[in-house]
Amino acid sequence: MKTNINKVELAGFAGMDAEIREIRKGVKFGRFSLATSEGYKNKTGEWVNNTTWHNIVLWNDMAEKAQGAVKKGAFVTLTGKINYRNYETKDGQKRNAVEIVAGNFEVGEQ
């Protein structure tokens, strides 16, 4: 029996209000950025904060839930999966994208 495991859990702060749109009849798409941070002491004993930005993608029910709920600066916890995709820009340049497709999320207190 094959088992596919692709699970991500993140907690951080929204970098923007969720952008939601209907891409075709009955299909909603949304996105927002999420900042996660970790701190550590470097070799000289100084405290260093490292922030990573994640691109969050939402589909249908998750997009509807995010509309109006995910605001810039809001604390968001989510579970989802990592998605890697390749695409070509309008001027023909090849690009790669790494996204977190949200399966569930909550907006609340840190």
N, C-alpha and C. Protein backbone atom coordinates (compact mmCIF):
# COMPACT_ATOMS: atom_id res chain seq x y z
N MET A 1 0.85 -1.18 0.00
CA MET A 1 0.00 0.00 0.00
C MET A 1 0.89 1.24 0.00
N LYS A 2 0.68 2.12 -0.95
CA LYS A 2 1.45 3.35 -1.03
C LYS A 2 0.82 4.40 -0.13
N THR A 3 1.68 5.14 0.55
CA THR A 3 1.21 6.23 1.38
C THR A 3 1.94 7.50 0.96
N ASN A 4 1.20 8.53 0.65
CA ASN A 4 1.79 9.83 0.33
C ASN A 4 1.67 10.71 1.55
N ILE A 5 2.80 11.27 1.96
CA ILE A 5 2.79 12.17 3.11
C ILE A 5 3.34 13.52 2.66
N ASN A 6 2.56 14.53 2.79
CA ASN A 6 2.95 15.90 2.46
C ASN A 6 2.13 16.80 3.37
N LYS A 7 2.65 17.08 4.56
CA LYS A 7 1.91 17.87 5.53
C LYS A 7 2.80 18.97 6.08
N VAL A 8 2.24 20.17 6.14
CA VAL A 8 2.93 21.34 6.66
C VAL A 8 2.05 21.96 7.73
N GLU A 9 2.66 22.36 8.83
CA GLU A 9 1.97 23.13 9.87
C GLU A 9 2.77 24.40 10.09
N LEU A 10 2.09 25.54 9.98
CA LEU A 10 2.75 26.83 10.14
C LEU A 10 1.95 27.72 11.08
N ALA A 11 2.65 28.58 11.76
CA ALA A 11 2.03 29.63 12.57
C ALA A 11 2.85 30.89 12.35
N GLY A 12 2.16 31.96 11.99
CA GLY A 12 2.88 33.20 11.73
C GLY A 12 1.90 34.34 11.53
N PHE A 13 2.42 35.42 10.95
CA PHE A 13 1.63 36.63 10.76
C PHE A 13 1.42 36.91 9.28
N ALA A 14 0.18 37.23 8.93
CA ALA A 14 -0.17 37.53 7.54
C ALA A 14 0.54 38.79 7.10
N GLY A 15 1.16 38.74 5.93
CA GLY A 15 1.86 39.90 5.39
C GLY A 15 0.98 40.79 4.54
N MET A 16 -0.25 40.35 4.31
CA MET A 16 -1.19 41.10 3.48
C MET A 16 -2.60 40.58 3.73
N ASP A 17 -3.59 41.36 3.37
CA ASP A 17 -4.96 40.87 3.38
C ASP A 17 -5.07 39.76 2.34
N ALA A 18 -5.86 38.75 2.62
CA ALA A 18 -6.07 37.67 1.64
C ALA A 18 -6.73 38.26 0.39
N GLU A 19 -6.19 37.89 -0.77
CA GLU A 19 -6.77 38.28 -2.05
C GLU A 19 -7.57 37.10 -2.59
N ILE A 20 -8.87 37.31 -2.79
CA ILE A 20 -9.75 36.23 -3.21
C ILE A 20 -10.41 36.62 -4.53
N ARG A 21 -10.47 35.67 -5.45
CA ARG A 21 -11.18 35.93 -6.71
C ARG A 21 -11.78 34.63 -7.22
N GLU A 22 -12.77 34.79 -8.07
CA GLU A 22 -13.38 33.62 -8.71
C GLU A 22 -12.69 33.46 -10.06
N ILE A 23 -12.02 32.31 -10.27
CA ILE A 23 -11.25 32.15 -11.50
C ILE A 23 -12.09 31.55 -12.62
N ARG A 24 -13.14 30.87 -12.28
CA ARG A 24 -14.16 30.43 -13.23
C ARG A 24 -15.42 30.12 -12.42
N LYS A 25 -16.50 29.93 -13.09
CA LYS A 25 -17.79 29.73 -12.43
C LYS A 25 -17.69 28.67 -11.32
N GLY A 26 -17.91 29.10 -10.08
CA GLY A 26 -17.93 28.20 -8.95
C GLY A 26 -16.58 27.82 -8.37
N VAL A 27 -15.47 28.35 -8.92
CA VAL A 27 -14.14 28.03 -8.40
C VAL A 27 -13.48 29.29 -7.87
N LYS A 28 -13.26 29.30 -6.55
CA LYS A 28 -12.62 30.46 -5.93
C LYS A 28 -11.16 30.14 -5.62
N PHE A 29 -10.33 31.16 -5.78
CA PHE A 29 -8.90 31.06 -5.54
C PHE A 29 -8.50 32.22 -4.64
N GLY A 30 -7.63 31.95 -3.70
CA GLY A 30 -7.14 33.02 -2.83
C GLY A 30 -5.67 32.83 -2.52
N ARG A 31 -5.06 33.92 -2.05
CA ARG A 31 -3.67 33.84 -1.66
C ARG A 31 -3.36 34.93 -0.64
N PHE A 32 -2.33 34.67 0.16
CA PHE A 32 -1.74 35.68 1.03
C PHE A 32 -0.35 35.21 1.41
N SER A 33 0.44 36.12 1.94
CA SER A 33 1.78 35.76 2.39
C SER A 33 1.75 35.60 3.91
N LEU A 34 2.62 34.72 4.40
CA LEU A 34 2.69 34.44 5.84
C LEU A 34 4.15 34.48 6.27
N ALA A 35 4.44 35.23 7.31
CA ALA A 35 5.80 35.32 7.85
C ALA A 35 5.92 34.43 9.07
N THR A 36 6.91 33.54 9.05
CA THR A 36 7.26 32.75 10.22
C THR A 36 8.65 33.18 10.67
N SER A 37 8.90 33.10 11.98
CA SER A 37 10.18 33.55 12.51
C SER A 37 10.75 32.55 13.49
N GLU A 38 12.06 32.53 13.54
CA GLU A 38 12.76 31.75 14.55
C GLU A 38 13.95 32.58 15.02
N GLY A 39 14.31 32.39 16.27
CA GLY A 39 15.44 33.10 16.82
C GLY A 39 16.49 32.14 17.35
N TYR A 40 17.72 32.60 17.30
CA TYR A 40 18.81 31.79 17.83
C TYR A 40 19.97 32.71 18.19
N LYS A 41 20.90 32.20 18.99
CA LYS A 41 22.11 32.95 19.32
C LYS A 41 23.22 32.50 18.38
N ASN A 42 23.91 33.47 17.79
CA ASN A 42 25.00 33.13 16.89
C ASN A 42 26.28 32.84 17.69
N LYS A 43 27.38 32.63 17.00
CA LYS A 43 28.64 32.25 17.65
C LYS A 43 29.15 33.30 18.63
N THR A 44 28.79 34.56 18.40
CA THR A 44 29.25 35.63 19.29
C THR A 44 28.26 35.89 20.43
N GLY A 45 27.19 35.10 20.48
CA GLY A 45 26.21 35.23 21.56
C GLY A 45 25.12 36.25 21.30
N GLU A 46 25.12 36.83 20.10
CA GLU A 46 24.07 37.79 19.76
C GLU A 46 22.81 37.07 19.33
N TRP A 47 21.67 37.63 19.69
CA TRP A 47 20.38 37.05 19.32
C TRP A 47 20.07 37.45 17.89
N VAL A 48 19.74 36.46 17.05
CA VAL A 48 19.43 36.69 15.64
C VAL A 48 18.02 36.18 15.36
N ASN A 49 17.21 37.02 14.71
CA ASN A 49 15.87 36.61 14.28
C ASN A 49 15.91 36.34 12.79
N ASN A 50 15.36 35.21 12.38
CA ASN A 50 15.31 34.82 10.98
C ASN A 50 13.84 34.69 10.57
N THR A 51 13.42 35.51 9.62
CA THR A 51 12.03 35.48 9.15
C THR A 51 11.98 34.87 7.76
N THR A 52 11.04 33.95 7.57
CA THR A 52 10.82 33.32 6.27
C THR A 52 9.41 33.66 5.80
N TRP A 53 9.29 34.02 4.53
CA TRP A 53 7.99 34.33 3.94
C TRP A 53 7.50 33.15 3.13
N HIS A 54 6.23 32.81 3.32
CA HIS A 54 5.60 31.69 2.62
C HIS A 54 4.43 32.22 1.79
N ASN A 55 4.26 31.65 0.60
CA ASN A 55 3.11 31.97 -0.25
C ASN A 55 2.02 30.95 0.06
N ILE A 56 0.89 31.45 0.55
CA ILE A 56 -0.23 30.58 0.93
C ILE A 56 -1.29 30.65 -0.17
N VAL A 57 -1.76 29.47 -0.59
CA VAL A 57 -2.80 29.36 -1.62
C VAL A 57 -4.03 28.73 -0.99
N LEU A 58 -5.19 29.25 -1.36
CA LEU A 58 -6.46 28.77 -0.83
C LEU A 58 -7.42 28.49 -1.98
N TRP A 59 -8.16 27.42 -1.87
CA TRP A 59 -9.14 27.07 -2.90
C TRP A 59 -10.53 26.96 -2.29
N ASN A 60 -11.53 27.40 -3.04
CA ASN A 60 -12.96 27.23 -2.76
C ASN A 60 -13.36 27.56 -1.32
N ASP A 61 -13.70 26.56 -0.48
CA ASP A 61 -14.18 26.85 0.88
C ASP A 61 -13.13 27.58 1.71
N MET A 62 -11.87 27.21 1.55
CA MET A 62 -10.80 27.88 2.31
C MET A 62 -10.66 29.33 1.86
N ALA A 63 -10.82 29.59 0.57
CA ALA A 63 -10.76 30.96 0.05
C ALA A 63 -11.92 31.78 0.60
N GLU A 64 -13.11 31.20 0.61
CA GLU A 64 -14.28 31.90 1.17
C GLU A 64 -14.07 32.22 2.64
N LYS A 65 -13.53 31.26 3.38
CA LYS A 65 -13.28 31.44 4.81
C LYS A 65 -12.27 32.57 5.05
N ALA A 66 -11.28 32.69 4.17
CA ALA A 66 -10.22 33.69 4.33
C ALA A 66 -10.70 35.10 3.99
N GLN A 67 -11.69 35.17 3.11
CA GLN A 67 -12.17 36.47 2.66
C GLN A 67 -12.67 37.29 3.86
N GLY A 68 -12.03 38.39 4.11
CA GLY A 68 -12.41 39.25 5.23
C GLY A 68 -11.84 38.82 6.56
N ALA A 69 -11.37 37.57 6.68
CA ALA A 69 -10.84 37.08 7.96
C ALA A 69 -9.33 37.24 8.07
N VAL A 70 -8.62 37.03 6.96
CA VAL A 70 -7.16 37.14 6.98
C VAL A 70 -6.78 38.55 6.57
N LYS A 71 -6.35 39.31 7.55
CA LYS A 71 -5.93 40.71 7.37
C LYS A 71 -4.45 40.82 7.66
N LYS A 72 -3.81 41.80 7.04
CA LYS A 72 -2.39 42.03 7.27
C LYS A 72 -2.12 42.16 8.77
N GLY A 73 -1.14 41.40 9.26
CA GLY A 73 -0.77 41.44 10.68
C GLY A 73 -1.48 40.42 11.54
N ALA A 74 -2.51 39.75 11.01
CA ALA A 74 -3.27 38.76 11.80
C ALA A 74 -2.40 37.54 12.06
N PHE A 75 -2.55 36.95 13.25
CA PHE A 75 -1.86 35.71 13.58
C PHE A 75 -2.65 34.55 12.99
N VAL A 76 -1.99 33.73 12.17
CA VAL A 76 -2.65 32.65 11.45
C VAL A 76 -1.91 31.34 11.74
N THR A 77 -2.68 30.31 12.08
CA THR A 77 -2.13 28.95 12.15
C THR A 77 -2.80 28.16 11.03
N LEU A 78 -2.01 27.29 10.38
CA LEU A 78 -2.60 26.53 9.29
C LEU A 78 -1.92 25.18 9.13
N THR A 79 -2.66 24.29 8.51
CA THR A 79 -2.11 23.01 8.04
C THR A 79 -2.38 22.96 6.55
N GLY A 80 -1.48 22.30 5.85
CA GLY A 80 -1.64 22.20 4.41
C GLY A 80 -0.58 21.31 3.83
N LYS A 81 -0.26 21.55 2.56
CA LYS A 81 0.75 20.76 1.88
C LYS A 81 1.62 21.68 1.03
N ILE A 82 2.86 21.24 0.78
CA ILE A 82 3.77 22.00 -0.07
C ILE A 82 3.49 21.63 -1.52
N ASN A 83 3.47 22.65 -2.37
CA ASN A 83 3.27 22.44 -3.80
C ASN A 83 4.38 23.18 -4.55
N TYR A 84 5.09 22.47 -5.40
CA TYR A 84 6.11 23.05 -6.27
C TYR A 84 5.55 23.08 -7.67
N ARG A 85 5.70 24.21 -8.35
CA ARG A 85 5.22 24.27 -9.73
C ARG A 85 6.14 25.13 -10.57
N ASN A 86 6.13 24.84 -11.86
CA ASN A 86 6.89 25.60 -12.84
C ASN A 86 5.91 26.35 -13.72
N TYR A 87 6.30 27.54 -14.14
CA TYR A 87 5.45 28.29 -15.06
C TYR A 87 6.33 29.19 -15.92
N GLU A 88 5.71 29.74 -16.94
CA GLU A 88 6.42 30.63 -17.84
C GLU A 88 5.76 32.00 -17.79
N THR A 89 6.57 33.05 -17.68
CA THR A 89 6.05 34.41 -17.64
C THR A 89 5.58 34.83 -19.04
N LYS A 90 4.89 35.96 -19.10
CA LYS A 90 4.38 36.44 -20.39
C LYS A 90 5.51 36.70 -21.38
N ASP A 91 6.70 37.06 -20.86
CA ASP A 91 7.83 37.31 -21.76
C ASP A 91 8.70 36.07 -21.98
N GLY A 92 8.20 34.88 -21.60
CA GLY A 92 8.87 33.63 -21.92
C GLY A 92 9.90 33.13 -20.93
N GLN A 93 10.05 33.80 -19.78
CA GLN A 93 11.02 33.35 -18.78
C GLN A 93 10.42 32.22 -17.95
N LYS A 94 11.23 31.18 -17.71
CA LYS A 94 10.78 30.05 -16.89
C LYS A 94 11.02 30.37 -15.42
N ARG A 95 10.01 30.08 -14.60
CA ARG A 95 10.06 30.36 -13.16
C ARG A 95 9.61 29.15 -12.38
N ASN A 96 10.01 29.12 -11.12
CA ASN A 96 9.57 28.09 -10.17
C ASN A 96 8.84 28.77 -9.04
N ALA A 97 7.86 28.10 -8.49
CA ALA A 97 7.12 28.64 -7.35
C ALA A 97 6.98 27.55 -6.29
N VAL A 98 7.12 27.96 -5.05
CA VAL A 98 6.87 27.08 -3.91
C VAL A 98 5.71 27.69 -3.15
N GLU A 99 4.65 26.91 -2.96
CA GLU A 99 3.45 27.40 -2.30
C GLU A 99 3.00 26.42 -1.23
N ILE A 100 2.30 26.94 -0.25
CA ILE A 100 1.63 26.12 0.74
C ILE A 100 0.15 26.17 0.42
N VAL A 101 -0.43 25.03 0.09
CA VAL A 101 -1.87 24.95 -0.19
C VAL A 101 -2.56 24.65 1.14
N ALA A 102 -3.32 25.60 1.64
CA ALA A 102 -3.95 25.47 2.95
C ALA A 102 -5.11 24.49 2.90
N GLY A 103 -5.10 23.54 3.84
CA GLY A 103 -6.20 22.61 4.00
C GLY A 103 -7.14 23.07 5.10
N ASN A 104 -6.58 23.80 6.06
CA ASN A 104 -7.34 24.36 7.17
C ASN A 104 -6.53 25.48 7.77
N PHE A 105 -7.19 26.48 8.33
CA PHE A 105 -6.49 27.57 9.02
C PHE A 105 -7.38 28.19 10.06
N GLU A 106 -6.75 28.86 11.00
CA GLU A 106 -7.46 29.62 12.02
C GLU A 106 -6.78 30.98 12.16
N VAL A 107 -7.57 32.01 12.37
CA VAL A 107 -7.06 33.35 12.64
C VAL A 107 -7.37 33.62 14.10
N GLY A 108 -6.37 34.04 14.85
CA GLY A 108 -6.63 34.27 16.27
C GLY A 108 -5.47 34.87 17.00
N GLU A 109 -5.45 34.59 18.29
CA GLU A 109 -4.44 35.13 19.19
C GLU A 109 -3.16 34.31 19.14
N GLN A 110 -2.06 35.01 19.32
CA GLN A 110 -0.77 34.33 19.38
C GLN A 110 -0.57 33.63 20.69
